[in-house]
Amino acid sequence: MVVACHKHDLQAARAFGMRTAFVPRPLEFGRGANPDIAPEPWIDLYAEDFLALPHALGA
């Protein structure tokens, strides 16, 4: 599984048959940026932040 905050990284991983997990980082590019952090149906797992990731994985 690849865990990333960039959808293009997850698309590449999915193309190689890997599962995907998205963790948004809305402030990665500063307060004025508006990155795409919406869930996508093709992403296997969506966690609100890295603290929520273990729970989303079932840990």
PDB file of N, CA and C in Angstrom:
ATOM      1  N   MET A   1       0.841  -1.176   0.000  1.00  0.00           N
ATOM      2  CA  MET A   1       0.000   0.000   0.000  1.00  0.00           C
ATOM      3  C   MET A   1       0.885   1.238   0.000  1.00  0.00           C
ATOM      4  N   VAL A   2       0.481   2.203  -0.803  1.00  0.00           N
ATOM      5  CA  VAL A   2       1.148   3.496  -0.825  1.00  0.00           C
ATOM      6  C   VAL A   2       0.247   4.495  -0.116  1.00  0.00           C
ATOM      7  N   VAL A   3       0.815   5.224   0.825  1.00  0.00           N
ATOM      8  CA  VAL A   3       0.113   6.289   1.539  1.00  0.00           C
ATOM      9  C   VAL A   3       0.708   7.604   1.059  1.00  0.00           C
ATOM     10  N   ALA A   4      -0.138   8.504   0.594  1.00  0.00           N
ATOM     11  CA  ALA A   4       0.360   9.765   0.060  1.00  0.00           C
ATOM     12  C   ALA A   4      -0.669  10.871   0.214  1.00  0.00           C
ATOM     13  N   CYS A   5      -0.200  12.087   0.028  1.00  0.00           N
ATOM     14  CA  CYS A   5      -1.095  13.241   0.042  1.00  0.00           C
ATOM     15  C   CYS A   5      -1.234  13.835  -1.360  1.00  0.00           C
ATOM     16  N   HIS A   6      -0.600  13.201  -2.334  1.00  0.00           N
ATOM     17  CA  HIS A   6      -0.693  13.643  -3.721  1.00  0.00           C
ATOM     18  C   HIS A   6      -1.389  12.562  -4.541  1.00  0.00           C
ATOM     19  N   LYS A   7      -2.470  12.932  -5.158  1.00  0.00           N
ATOM     20  CA  LYS A   7      -3.265  11.958  -5.908  1.00  0.00           C
ATOM     21  C   LYS A   7      -2.505  11.376  -7.094  1.00  0.00           C
ATOM     22  N   HIS A   8      -1.614  12.151  -7.704  1.00  0.00           N
ATOM     23  CA  HIS A   8      -0.863  11.611  -8.844  1.00  0.00           C
ATOM     24  C   HIS A   8       0.064  10.479  -8.392  1.00  0.00           C
ATOM     25  N   ASP A   9       0.602  10.557  -7.177  1.00  0.00           N
ATOM     26  CA  ASP A   9       1.414   9.456  -6.651  1.00  0.00           C
ATOM     27  C   ASP A   9       0.560   8.206  -6.469  1.00  0.00           C
ATOM     28  N   LEU A  10      -0.648   8.398  -5.980  1.00  0.00           N
ATOM     29  CA  LEU A  10      -1.545   7.261  -5.764  1.00  0.00           C
ATOM     30  C   LEU A  10      -2.009   6.664  -7.091  1.00  0.00           C
ATOM     31  N   GLN A  11      -2.217   7.504  -8.087  1.00  0.00           N
ATOM     32  CA  GLN A  11      -2.601   6.993  -9.408  1.00  0.00           C
ATOM     33  C   GLN A  11      -1.490   6.122  -9.987  1.00  0.00           C
ATOM     34  N   ALA A  12      -0.249   6.541  -9.812  1.00  0.00           N
ATOM     35  CA  ALA A  12       0.880   5.743 -10.307  1.00  0.00           C
ATOM     36  C   ALA A  12       0.968   4.411  -9.568  1.00  0.00           C
ATOM     37  N   ALA A  13       0.800   4.448  -8.252  1.00  0.00           N
ATOM     38  CA  ALA A  13       0.847   3.209  -7.465  1.00  0.00           C
ATOM     39  C   ALA A  13      -0.274   2.270  -7.880  1.00  0.00           C
ATOM     40  N   ARG A  14      -1.448   2.808  -8.077  1.00  0.00           N
ATOM     41  CA  ARG A  14      -2.598   1.991  -8.486  1.00  0.00           C
ATOM     42  C   ARG A  14      -2.341   1.340  -9.847  1.00  0.00           C
ATOM     43  N   ALA A  15      -1.675   2.064 -10.739  1.00  0.00           N
ATOM     44  CA  ALA A  15      -1.358   1.520 -12.064  1.00  0.00           C
ATOM     45  C   ALA A  15      -0.455   0.287 -11.968  1.00  0.00           C
ATOM     46  N   PHE A  16       0.299   0.189 -10.873  1.00  0.00           N
ATOM     47  CA  PHE A  16       1.160  -0.971 -10.640  1.00  0.00           C
ATOM     48  C   PHE A  16       0.487  -2.016  -9.755  1.00  0.00           C
ATOM     49  N   GLY A  17      -0.805  -1.838  -9.498  1.00  0.00           N
ATOM     50  CA  GLY A  17      -1.563  -2.826  -8.750  1.00  0.00           C
ATOM     51  C   GLY A  17      -1.503  -2.683  -7.245  1.00  0.00           C
ATOM     52  N   MET A  18      -0.964  -1.584  -6.764  1.00  0.00           N
ATOM     53  CA  MET A  18      -0.872  -1.385  -5.320  1.00  0.00           C
ATOM     54  C   MET A  18      -2.158  -0.780  -4.776  1.00  0.00           C
ATOM     55  N   ARG A  19      -2.447  -1.051  -3.528  1.00  0.00           N
ATOM     56  CA  ARG A  19      -3.561  -0.391  -2.852  1.00  0.00           C
ATOM     57  C   ARG A  19      -3.120   1.021  -2.490  1.00  0.00           C
ATOM     58  N   THR A  20      -4.096   1.899  -2.231  1.00  0.00           N
ATOM     59  CA  THR A  20      -3.789   3.306  -1.998  1.00  0.00           C
ATOM     60  C   THR A  20      -4.500   3.840  -0.768  1.00  0.00           C
ATOM     61  N   ALA A  21      -3.833   4.758  -0.090  1.00  0.00           N
ATOM     62  CA  ALA A  21      -4.421   5.472   1.049  1.00  0.00           C
ATOM     63  C   ALA A  21      -4.072   6.948   0.901  1.00  0.00           C
ATOM     64  N   PHE A  22      -5.075   7.775   1.047  1.00  0.00           N
ATOM     65  CA  PHE A  22      -4.895   9.224   0.897  1.00  0.00           C
ATOM     66  C   PHE A  22      -5.004   9.885   2.256  1.00  0.00           C
ATOM     67  N   VAL A  23      -4.028  10.732   2.567  1.00  0.00           N
ATOM     68  CA  VAL A  23      -4.053  11.538   3.784  1.00  0.00           C
ATOM     69  C   VAL A  23      -3.874  12.988   3.338  1.00  0.00           C
ATOM     70  N   PRO A  24      -4.900  13.811   3.475  1.00  0.00           N
ATOM     71  CA  PRO A  24      -4.802  15.190   2.990  1.00  0.00           C
ATOM     72  C   PRO A  24      -3.856  16.039   3.836  1.00  0.00           C
ATOM     73  N   ARG A  25      -3.210  16.967   3.183  1.00  0.00           N
ATOM     74  CA  ARG A  25      -2.378  17.964   3.859  1.00  0.00           C
ATOM     75  C   ARG A  25      -2.795  19.329   3.301  1.00  0.00           C
ATOM     76  N   PRO A  26      -3.912  19.862   3.765  1.00  0.00           N
ATOM     77  CA  PRO A  26      -4.478  21.067   3.161  1.00  0.00           C
ATOM     78  C   PRO A  26      -3.588  22.305   3.254  1.00  0.00           C
ATOM     79  N   LEU A  27      -2.666  22.345   4.193  1.00  0.00           N
ATOM     80  CA  LEU A  27      -1.801  23.523   4.337  1.00  0.00           C
ATOM     81  C   LEU A  27      -0.395  23.286   3.781  1.00  0.00           C
ATOM     82  N   GLU A  28      -0.202  22.219   3.038  1.00  0.00           N
ATOM     83  CA  GLU A  28       1.119  21.877   2.512  1.00  0.00           C
ATOM     84  C   GLU A  28       1.752  23.014   1.718  1.00  0.00           C
ATOM     85  N   PHE A  29       0.961  23.724   0.940  1.00  0.00           N
ATOM     86  CA  PHE A  29       1.483  24.795   0.097  1.00  0.00           C
ATOM     87  C   PHE A  29       1.145  26.182   0.650  1.00  0.00           C
ATOM     88  N   GLY A  30       0.760  26.264   1.911  1.00  0.00           N
ATOM     89  CA  GLY A  30       0.449  27.540   2.538  1.00  0.00           C
ATOM     90  C   GLY A  30      -1.038  27.812   2.596  1.00  0.00           C
ATOM     91  N   ARG A  31      -1.368  28.854   3.301  1.00  0.00           N
ATOM     92  CA  ARG A  31      -2.779  29.188   3.535  1.00  0.00           C
ATOM     93  C   ARG A  31      -3.518  29.624   2.273  1.00  0.00           C
ATOM     94  N   GLY A  32      -2.842  30.197   1.321  1.00  0.00           N
ATOM     95  CA  GLY A  32      -3.507  30.675   0.112  1.00  0.00           C
ATOM     96  C   GLY A  32      -3.767  29.598  -0.927  1.00  0.00           C
ATOM     97  N   ALA A  33      -3.180  28.435  -0.754  1.00  0.00           N
ATOM     98  CA  ALA A  33      -3.334  27.360  -1.737  1.00  0.00           C
ATOM     99  C   ALA A  33      -4.671  26.645  -1.554  1.00  0.00           C
ATOM    100  N   ASN A  34      -5.112  25.991  -2.601  1.00  0.00           N
ATOM    101  CA  ASN A  34      -6.365  25.258  -2.566  1.00  0.00           C
ATOM    102  C   ASN A  34      -6.165  23.878  -3.207  1.00  0.00           C
ATOM    103  N   PRO A  35      -5.407  22.991  -2.520  1.00  0.00           N
ATOM    104  CA  PRO A  35      -5.152  21.669  -3.115  1.00  0.00           C
ATOM    105  C   PRO A  35      -6.415  20.814  -3.144  1.00  0.00           C
ATOM    106  N   ASP A  36      -6.442  19.873  -4.065  1.00  0.00           N
ATOM    107  CA  ASP A  36      -7.565  18.938  -4.188  1.00  0.00           C
ATOM    108  C   ASP A  36      -7.414  17.857  -3.113  1.00  0.00           C
ATOM    109  N   ILE A  37      -8.216  17.938  -2.063  1.00  0.00           N
ATOM    110  CA  ILE A  37      -8.143  16.962  -0.971  1.00  0.00           C
ATOM    111  C   ILE A  37      -9.426  16.151  -0.836  1.00  0.00           C
ATOM    112  N   ALA A  38     -10.288  16.244  -1.822  1.00  0.00           N
ATOM    113  CA  ALA A  38     -11.562  15.516  -1.784  1.00  0.00           C
ATOM    114  C   ALA A  38     -11.327  14.012  -1.949  1.00  0.00           C
ATOM    115  N   PRO A  39     -12.117  13.189  -1.254  1.00  0.00           N
ATOM    116  CA  PRO A  39     -12.027  11.738  -1.465  1.00  0.00           C
ATOM    117  C   PRO A  39     -12.367  11.384  -2.913  1.00  0.00           C
ATOM    118  N   GLU A  40     -11.779  10.309  -3.396  1.00  0.00           N
ATOM    119  CA  GLU A  40     -12.030   9.817  -4.752  1.00  0.00           C
ATOM    120  C   GLU A  40     -12.476   8.360  -4.659  1.00  0.00           C
ATOM    121  N   PRO A  41     -13.379   7.926  -5.511  1.00  0.00           N
ATOM    122  CA  PRO A  41     -13.854   6.541  -5.439  1.00  0.00           C
ATOM    123  C   PRO A  41     -12.772   5.504  -5.750  1.00  0.00           C
ATOM    124  N   TRP A  42     -11.736   5.874  -6.472  1.00  0.00           N
ATOM    125  CA  TRP A  42     -10.689   4.925  -6.834  1.00  0.00           C
ATOM    126  C   TRP A  42      -9.618   4.786  -5.750  1.00  0.00           C
ATOM    127  N   ILE A  43      -9.639   5.654  -4.742  1.00  0.00           N
ATOM    128  CA  ILE A  43      -8.689   5.553  -3.622  1.00  0.00           C
ATOM    129  C   ILE A  43      -9.258   4.546  -2.627  1.00  0.00           C
ATOM    130  N   ASP A  44      -8.439   3.568  -2.235  1.00  0.00           N
ATOM    131  CA  ASP A  44      -8.909   2.491  -1.365  1.00  0.00           C
ATOM    132  C   ASP A  44      -9.240   2.960   0.044  1.00  0.00           C
ATOM    133  N   LEU A  45      -8.483   3.900   0.557  1.00  0.00           N
ATOM    134  CA  LEU A  45      -8.652   4.311   1.946  1.00  0.00           C
ATOM    135  C   LEU A  45      -8.397   5.804   2.071  1.00  0.00           C
ATOM    136  N   TYR A  46      -9.228   6.489   2.831  1.00  0.00           N
ATOM    137  CA  TYR A  46      -9.077   7.925   3.058  1.00  0.00           C
ATOM    138  C   TYR A  46      -9.008   8.142   4.559  1.00  0.00           C
ATOM    139  N   ALA A  47      -7.932   8.775   5.041  1.00  0.00           N
ATOM    140  CA  ALA A  47      -7.795   9.092   6.460  1.00  0.00           C
ATOM    141  C   ALA A  47      -7.718  10.610   6.596  1.00  0.00           C
ATOM    142  N   GLU A  48      -8.418  11.160   7.551  1.00  0.00           N
ATOM    143  CA  GLU A  48      -8.450  12.615   7.735  1.00  0.00           C
ATOM    144  C   GLU A  48      -7.071  13.207   8.033  1.00  0.00           C
ATOM    145  N   ASP A  49      -6.214  12.454   8.726  1.00  0.00           N
ATOM    146  CA  ASP A  49      -4.852  12.885   9.025  1.00  0.00           C
ATOM    147  C   ASP A  49      -4.029  11.651   9.388  1.00  0.00           C
ATOM    148  N   PHE A  50      -2.752  11.842   9.659  1.00  0.00           N
ATOM    149  CA  PHE A  50      -1.886  10.698   9.929  1.00  0.00           C
ATOM    150  C   PHE A  50      -2.211  10.031  11.264  1.00  0.00           C
ATOM    151  N   LEU A  51      -2.807  10.757  12.186  1.00  0.00           N
ATOM    152  CA  LEU A  51      -3.228  10.140  13.449  1.00  0.00           C
ATOM    153  C   LEU A  51      -4.421   9.219  13.244  1.00  0.00           C
ATOM    154  N   ALA A  52      -5.240   9.489  12.251  1.00  0.00           N
ATOM    155  CA  ALA A  52      -6.405   8.658  11.954  1.00  0.00           C
ATOM    156  C   ALA A  52      -6.059   7.473  11.050  1.00  0.00           C
ATOM    157  N   LEU A  53      -4.869   7.470  10.477  1.00  0.00           N
ATOM    158  CA  LEU A  53      -4.493   6.404   9.549  1.00  0.00           C
ATOM    159  C   LEU A  53      -4.515   5.015  10.169  1.00  0.00           C
ATOM    160  N   PRO A  54      -3.935   4.786  11.351  1.00  0.00           N
ATOM    161  CA  PRO A  54      -3.990   3.441  11.919  1.00  0.00           C
ATOM    162  C   PRO A  54      -5.425   2.937  12.113  1.00  0.00           C
ATOM    163  N   HIS A  55      -6.305   3.811  12.554  1.00  0.00           N
ATOM    164  CA  HIS A  55      -7.705   3.419  12.743  1.00  0.00           C
ATOM    165  C   HIS A  55      -8.335   3.069  11.389  1.00  0.00           C
ATOM    166  N   ALA A  56      -8.050   3.872  10.367  1.00  0.00           N
ATOM    167  CA  ALA A  56      -8.602   3.597   9.035  1.00  0.00           C
ATOM    168  C   ALA A  56      -8.081   2.258   8.497  1.00  0.00           C
ATOM    169  N   LEU A  57      -6.881   1.879   8.920  1.00  0.00           N
ATOM    170  CA  LEU A  57      -6.301   0.601   8.498  1.00  0.00           C
ATOM    171  C   LEU A  57      -6.797  -0.577   9.332  1.00  0.00           C
ATOM    172  N   GLY A  58      -7.572  -0.271  10.376  1.00  0.00           N
ATOM    173  CA  GLY A  58      -8.130  -1.329  11.212  1.00  0.00           C
ATOM    174  C   GLY A  58      -7.266  -1.694  12.397  1.00  0.00           C
ATOM    175  N   ALA A  59      -6.278  -0.882  12.705  1.00  0.00           N
ATOM    176  CA  ALA A  59      -5.383  -1.158  13.839  1.00  0.00           C
ATOM    177  C   ALA A  59      -6.012  -0.708  15.152  1.00  0.00           C
TER     178      ALA A  59
END
